[in-house]
Amino acid sequence: MILAAGRGTRMAPLTDHCPKPLLPLAGKPLIQHHIEKLVAAGIDELVINHAYLGHMIEQQLGDGSALACRIRYSAESRALETAGGILQALPLLGDEPFVVINGDVWCDWDYRQLFSRAQQLQHPARDQAPQDLGWLALVANPEHHPGGDFGLQQGRVLAQPDHCGWTFAGISVLSPQLFAGLQPGEQRLAPLLRAAMADGRIAGEVLNASWVDVGTPQRLQQLEQQLLAGQPVRSGGRQ
């Protein structure tokens, strides 16, 4: 699932008449970079949620056949936040662990590695109890987000404020069981993750990759310049 329902207020005025996932980056929409990487990794069944100017996303991407994938859409009359959006889309995602990617990040990590992370959730080690509910990709805290999001200890993601040495990369594998009992409507993902972390049920690792939270026009422009020039992408975070 690619999350694409955000309003993109930090991207204004670029998003005044264009949804953030369709902002051009190095000759193609931002969201297309994700789609092509997923397809190249062998992940070609995609769900995209949308709200603000969502019809433009459907018009641009269609059923995905032009990009060698199948795209289904979960339209939200109003943005439901991350957990609410995923909950609404669960009937399209099925009963097995699924990948969730924020549509407004860029990363050169090899998405083929997501298969093994999903397998670990679906088929845990014999001595593992209880079963993990999710796996999170983490990156070093960038300059604009020095406080970080979570800690990491022996492969377990921690929610304690004094262990936030890492930033969530917006790339994860989640189990449908994480959303059990959640009521429809606007719901944030962080409280669900933190509750599961308290039970030791969220795994994670630090990515050996370049990563950018494409959250401002300046960061989008900088990333595009690096990509077009063939330069190494400098990781950057929130602003």
Protein backbone atom coordinates (compact mmCIF):
# COMPACT_ATOMS: atom_id res chain seq x y z
CA MET A 1 0.00 0.00 0.00
CA ILE A 2 1.29 3.45 -0.94
CA LEU A 3 -0.04 6.20 1.31
CA ALA A 4 -1.10 9.15 -0.84
CA ALA A 5 -3.97 10.84 0.99
CA GLY A 6 -2.08 13.71 2.62
CA ARG A 7 -2.94 17.32 1.86
CA GLY A 8 0.69 18.32 1.33
CA THR A 9 0.41 21.70 3.04
CA ARG A 10 4.19 21.98 3.51
CA MET A 11 4.54 21.69 -0.26
CA ALA A 12 2.38 24.73 -0.99
CA PRO A 13 2.07 26.41 -3.42
CA LEU A 14 3.13 23.37 -5.50
CA THR A 15 0.21 21.37 -4.13
CA ASP A 16 -2.44 24.06 -4.55
CA HIS A 17 -3.64 22.38 -7.73
CA CYS A 18 -1.70 19.11 -7.76
CA PRO A 19 -1.70 16.26 -5.21
CA LYS A 20 1.71 15.74 -3.65
CA PRO A 21 2.20 12.21 -5.08
CA LEU A 22 2.02 13.62 -8.60
CA LEU A 23 4.60 16.37 -8.14
CA PRO A 24 7.29 15.86 -10.78
CA LEU A 25 10.65 14.49 -9.70
CA ALA A 26 13.34 13.93 -12.34
CA GLY A 27 10.84 13.58 -15.16
CA LYS A 28 8.14 11.47 -13.50
CA PRO A 29 5.61 11.80 -10.68
CA LEU A 30 7.01 11.26 -7.19
CA ILE A 31 4.78 8.25 -6.61
CA GLN A 32 5.94 6.62 -9.83
CA HIS A 33 9.45 6.23 -8.41
CA HIS A 34 7.97 3.97 -5.73
CA ILE A 35 5.83 2.04 -8.19
CA GLU A 36 8.71 1.31 -10.53
CA LYS A 37 10.95 0.17 -7.67
CA LEU A 38 8.22 -2.08 -6.29
CA VAL A 39 7.53 -3.62 -9.69
CA ALA A 40 11.25 -4.18 -10.28
CA ALA A 41 11.33 -6.00 -6.93
CA GLY A 42 8.45 -8.26 -7.95
CA ILE A 43 5.67 -6.46 -6.04
CA ASP A 44 3.01 -5.68 -8.62
CA GLU A 45 -0.28 -5.76 -6.67
CA LEU A 46 -0.68 -2.26 -5.27
CA VAL A 47 -3.26 -0.34 -3.27
CA ILE A 48 -3.15 3.46 -3.18
CA ASN A 49 -5.32 5.55 -0.88
CA HIS A 50 -6.14 9.13 -1.72
CA ALA A 51 -8.25 12.07 -0.60
CA TYR A 52 -7.17 15.56 -1.72
CA LEU A 53 -7.40 15.77 -5.54
CA GLY A 54 -7.43 11.99 -5.58
CA HIS A 55 -9.19 11.83 -8.92
CA MET A 56 -6.03 13.23 -10.50
CA ILE A 57 -4.01 10.32 -9.12
CA GLU A 58 -6.44 7.81 -10.62
CA GLN A 59 -6.41 9.65 -13.95
CA GLN A 60 -2.61 9.68 -14.05
CA LEU A 61 -1.95 6.09 -12.99
CA GLY A 62 -5.10 4.33 -14.14
CA ASP A 63 -5.23 0.62 -13.42
CA GLY A 64 -1.44 0.43 -13.41
CA SER A 65 -1.13 -1.58 -16.62
CA ALA A 66 1.11 1.06 -18.20
CA LEU A 67 3.52 0.52 -15.30
CA ALA A 68 3.30 -3.31 -15.38
CA CYS A 69 1.26 -3.57 -12.20
CA ARG A 70 -2.30 -3.71 -10.93
CA ILE A 71 -3.45 -0.71 -8.92
CA ARG A 72 -6.58 -0.57 -6.80
CA TYR A 73 -7.67 2.58 -5.03
CA SER A 74 -9.07 3.32 -1.59
CA ALA A 75 -10.76 6.70 -1.86
CA GLU A 76 -11.28 8.69 1.32
CA SER A 77 -13.88 11.45 1.39
CA ARG A 78 -11.65 13.06 4.02
CA ALA A 79 -8.15 12.03 4.98
CA LEU A 80 -8.39 9.30 7.62
CA GLU A 81 -4.80 9.53 8.89
CA THR A 82 -2.48 6.56 8.40
CA ALA A 83 -4.16 3.89 10.51
CA GLY A 84 -7.65 4.91 9.47
CA GLY A 85 -6.65 4.80 5.82
CA ILE A 86 -5.03 1.38 6.16
CA LEU A 87 -8.05 0.04 8.06
CA GLN A 88 -10.39 1.13 5.28
CA ALA A 89 -8.14 -0.52 2.70
CA LEU A 90 -7.73 -3.82 4.58
CA PRO A 91 -10.34 -5.64 2.42
CA LEU A 92 -8.09 -4.89 -0.59
CA LEU A 93 -4.89 -5.89 1.22
CA GLY A 94 -5.85 -9.38 2.35
CA ASP A 95 -5.04 -11.45 5.43
CA GLU A 96 -1.25 -11.65 5.13
CA PRO A 97 1.43 -9.08 6.07
CA PHE A 98 1.64 -6.22 3.57
CA VAL A 99 4.09 -3.46 2.71
CA VAL A 100 3.20 0.15 3.55
CA ILE A 101 5.19 3.01 2.03
CA ASN A 102 4.74 6.74 2.56
CA GLY A 103 4.22 8.35 -0.81
CA ASP A 104 6.30 11.40 0.12
CA VAL A 105 9.65 9.75 0.81
CA TRP A 106 12.42 8.75 -1.57
CA CYS A 107 14.81 5.90 -0.85
CA ASP A 108 17.27 3.83 -2.88
CA TRP A 109 16.93 0.76 -0.64
CA ASP A 110 16.39 -2.51 -2.48
CA TYR A 111 12.68 -3.31 -2.09
CA ARG A 112 13.33 -7.00 -2.80
CA GLN A 113 14.38 -7.26 0.83
CA LEU A 114 10.76 -6.64 1.84
CA PHE A 115 9.88 -10.25 1.01
CA SER A 116 12.06 -11.67 3.77
CA ARG A 117 10.71 -9.13 6.26
CA ALA A 118 7.16 -10.19 5.42
CA GLN A 119 8.13 -13.84 5.75
CA GLN A 120 9.49 -13.18 9.22
CA LEU A 121 6.10 -11.79 10.27
CA GLN A 122 4.16 -14.60 8.67
CA HIS A 123 6.43 -17.43 9.79
CA PRO A 124 8.18 -16.39 13.02
CA ALA A 125 10.93 -18.41 14.64
CA ARG A 126 9.76 -21.34 16.74
CA ASP A 127 10.95 -19.72 19.96
CA GLN A 128 9.38 -16.34 19.19
CA ALA A 129 6.33 -15.48 21.26
CA PRO A 130 4.25 -13.47 20.87
CA GLN A 131 4.29 -13.04 17.10
CA ASP A 132 5.48 -9.70 15.69
CA LEU A 133 2.84 -7.32 14.37
CA GLY A 134 5.14 -5.19 12.26
CA TRP A 135 8.59 -4.40 10.91
CA LEU A 136 9.83 -0.81 10.54
CA ALA A 137 12.64 0.61 8.44
CA LEU A 138 14.66 3.21 10.32
CA VAL A 139 17.25 5.78 9.28
CA ALA A 140 19.70 7.98 11.17
CA ASN A 141 18.08 11.10 12.60
CA PRO A 142 18.44 13.79 9.95
CA GLU A 143 19.42 17.36 10.64
CA HIS A 144 15.84 18.61 10.62
CA HIS A 145 14.52 15.87 12.92
CA PRO A 146 17.26 15.47 15.54
CA GLY A 147 14.93 14.10 18.21
CA GLY A 148 14.11 11.00 16.19
CA ASP A 149 11.06 8.75 16.50
CA PHE A 150 12.07 5.44 18.06
CA GLY A 151 14.86 3.45 19.62
CA LEU A 152 16.26 0.11 18.49
CA GLN A 153 17.71 -2.64 20.64
CA GLN A 154 18.53 -6.15 19.43
CA GLY A 155 16.14 -5.86 16.53
CA ARG A 156 13.27 -4.55 18.69
CA VAL A 157 11.88 -1.06 18.08
CA LEU A 158 11.46 0.92 21.29
CA ALA A 159 9.09 3.77 22.03
CA GLN A 160 10.85 5.20 25.08
CA PRO A 161 11.59 8.93 24.65
CA ASP A 162 15.16 8.54 25.86
CA HIS A 163 16.00 5.96 23.20
CA CYS A 164 14.90 7.83 20.05
CA GLY A 165 18.13 7.51 18.12
CA TRP A 166 16.41 6.68 14.84
CA THR A 167 13.78 8.13 12.50
CA PHE A 168 11.01 6.06 10.93
CA ALA A 169 11.68 5.90 7.18
CA GLY A 170 8.03 5.54 6.16
CA ILE A 171 8.68 1.99 4.90
CA SER A 172 7.17 -0.90 6.84
CA VAL A 173 5.63 -4.34 6.73
CA LEU A 174 2.52 -4.64 8.88
CA SER A 175 0.27 -7.49 9.95
CA PRO A 176 -3.50 -7.06 9.63
CA GLN A 177 -3.66 -8.16 13.27
CA LEU A 178 -2.16 -4.81 14.27
CA PHE A 179 -5.51 -3.22 13.39
CA ALA A 180 -7.74 -5.72 15.21
CA GLY A 181 -10.47 -3.96 17.13
CA LEU A 182 -9.77 -0.55 15.57
CA GLN A 183 -12.91 1.42 14.82
CA PRO A 184 -13.36 3.03 11.37
CA GLY A 185 -12.61 6.70 11.10
CA GLU A 186 -9.68 9.04 11.52
CA GLN A 187 -6.95 7.13 13.35
CA ARG A 188 -3.21 7.65 13.68
CA LEU A 189 -0.75 4.79 13.30
CA ALA A 190 1.75 5.85 15.98
CA PRO A 191 -0.42 4.85 18.99
CA LEU A 192 -0.94 1.36 17.53
CA LEU A 193 2.77 0.95 16.93
CA ARG A 194 3.72 2.19 20.38
CA ALA A 195 1.27 -0.18 22.04
CA ALA A 196 2.75 -3.09 20.08
CA MET A 197 6.27 -1.90 20.92
CA ALA A 198 5.40 -1.98 24.60
CA ASP A 199 4.66 -5.69 24.12
CA GLY A 200 7.90 -6.23 22.20
CA ARG A 201 6.04 -7.00 18.98
CA ILE A 202 7.58 -4.56 16.52
CA ALA A 203 10.82 -5.50 14.76
CA GLY A 204 13.02 -3.09 12.87
CA GLU A 205 16.38 -2.32 11.36
CA VAL A 206 18.43 0.61 10.16
CA LEU A 207 18.57 0.89 6.38
CA ASN A 208 21.91 1.08 4.63
CA ALA A 209 20.53 3.45 2.01
CA SER A 210 20.01 7.07 1.05
CA TRP A 211 16.68 8.43 2.21
CA VAL A 212 14.85 11.75 1.85
CA ASP A 213 11.59 12.94 3.35
CA VAL A 214 10.38 14.95 0.34
CA GLY A 215 8.34 17.30 2.48
CA THR A 216 9.18 20.80 1.24
CA PRO A 217 9.68 22.42 -2.18
CA GLN A 218 13.31 23.04 -1.31
CA ARG A 219 13.96 19.39 -0.53
CA LEU A 220 12.16 18.28 -3.68
CA GLN A 221 14.29 20.64 -5.77
CA GLN A 222 17.51 19.50 -4.10
CA LEU A 223 16.68 15.83 -4.64
CA GLU A 224 15.82 16.44 -8.29
CA GLN A 225 19.10 18.25 -8.89
CA GLN A 226 21.04 15.34 -7.40
CA LEU A 227 19.15 12.72 -9.40
CA LEU A 228 19.46 14.56 -12.70
CA ALA A 229 23.15 15.19 -12.13
CA GLY A 230 23.78 11.57 -11.23
CA GLN A 231 25.14 12.64 -7.86
CA PRO A 232 24.92 10.58 -4.66
CA VAL A 233 21.72 11.53 -2.84
CA ARG A 234 22.33 13.14 0.51
CA SER A 235 19.90 11.89 3.10
CA GLY A 236 17.61 14.51 4.58
CA GLY A 237 14.66 14.55 6.94
CA ARG A 238 11.80 16.67 8.12
CA GLN A 239 11.69 20.40 8.31
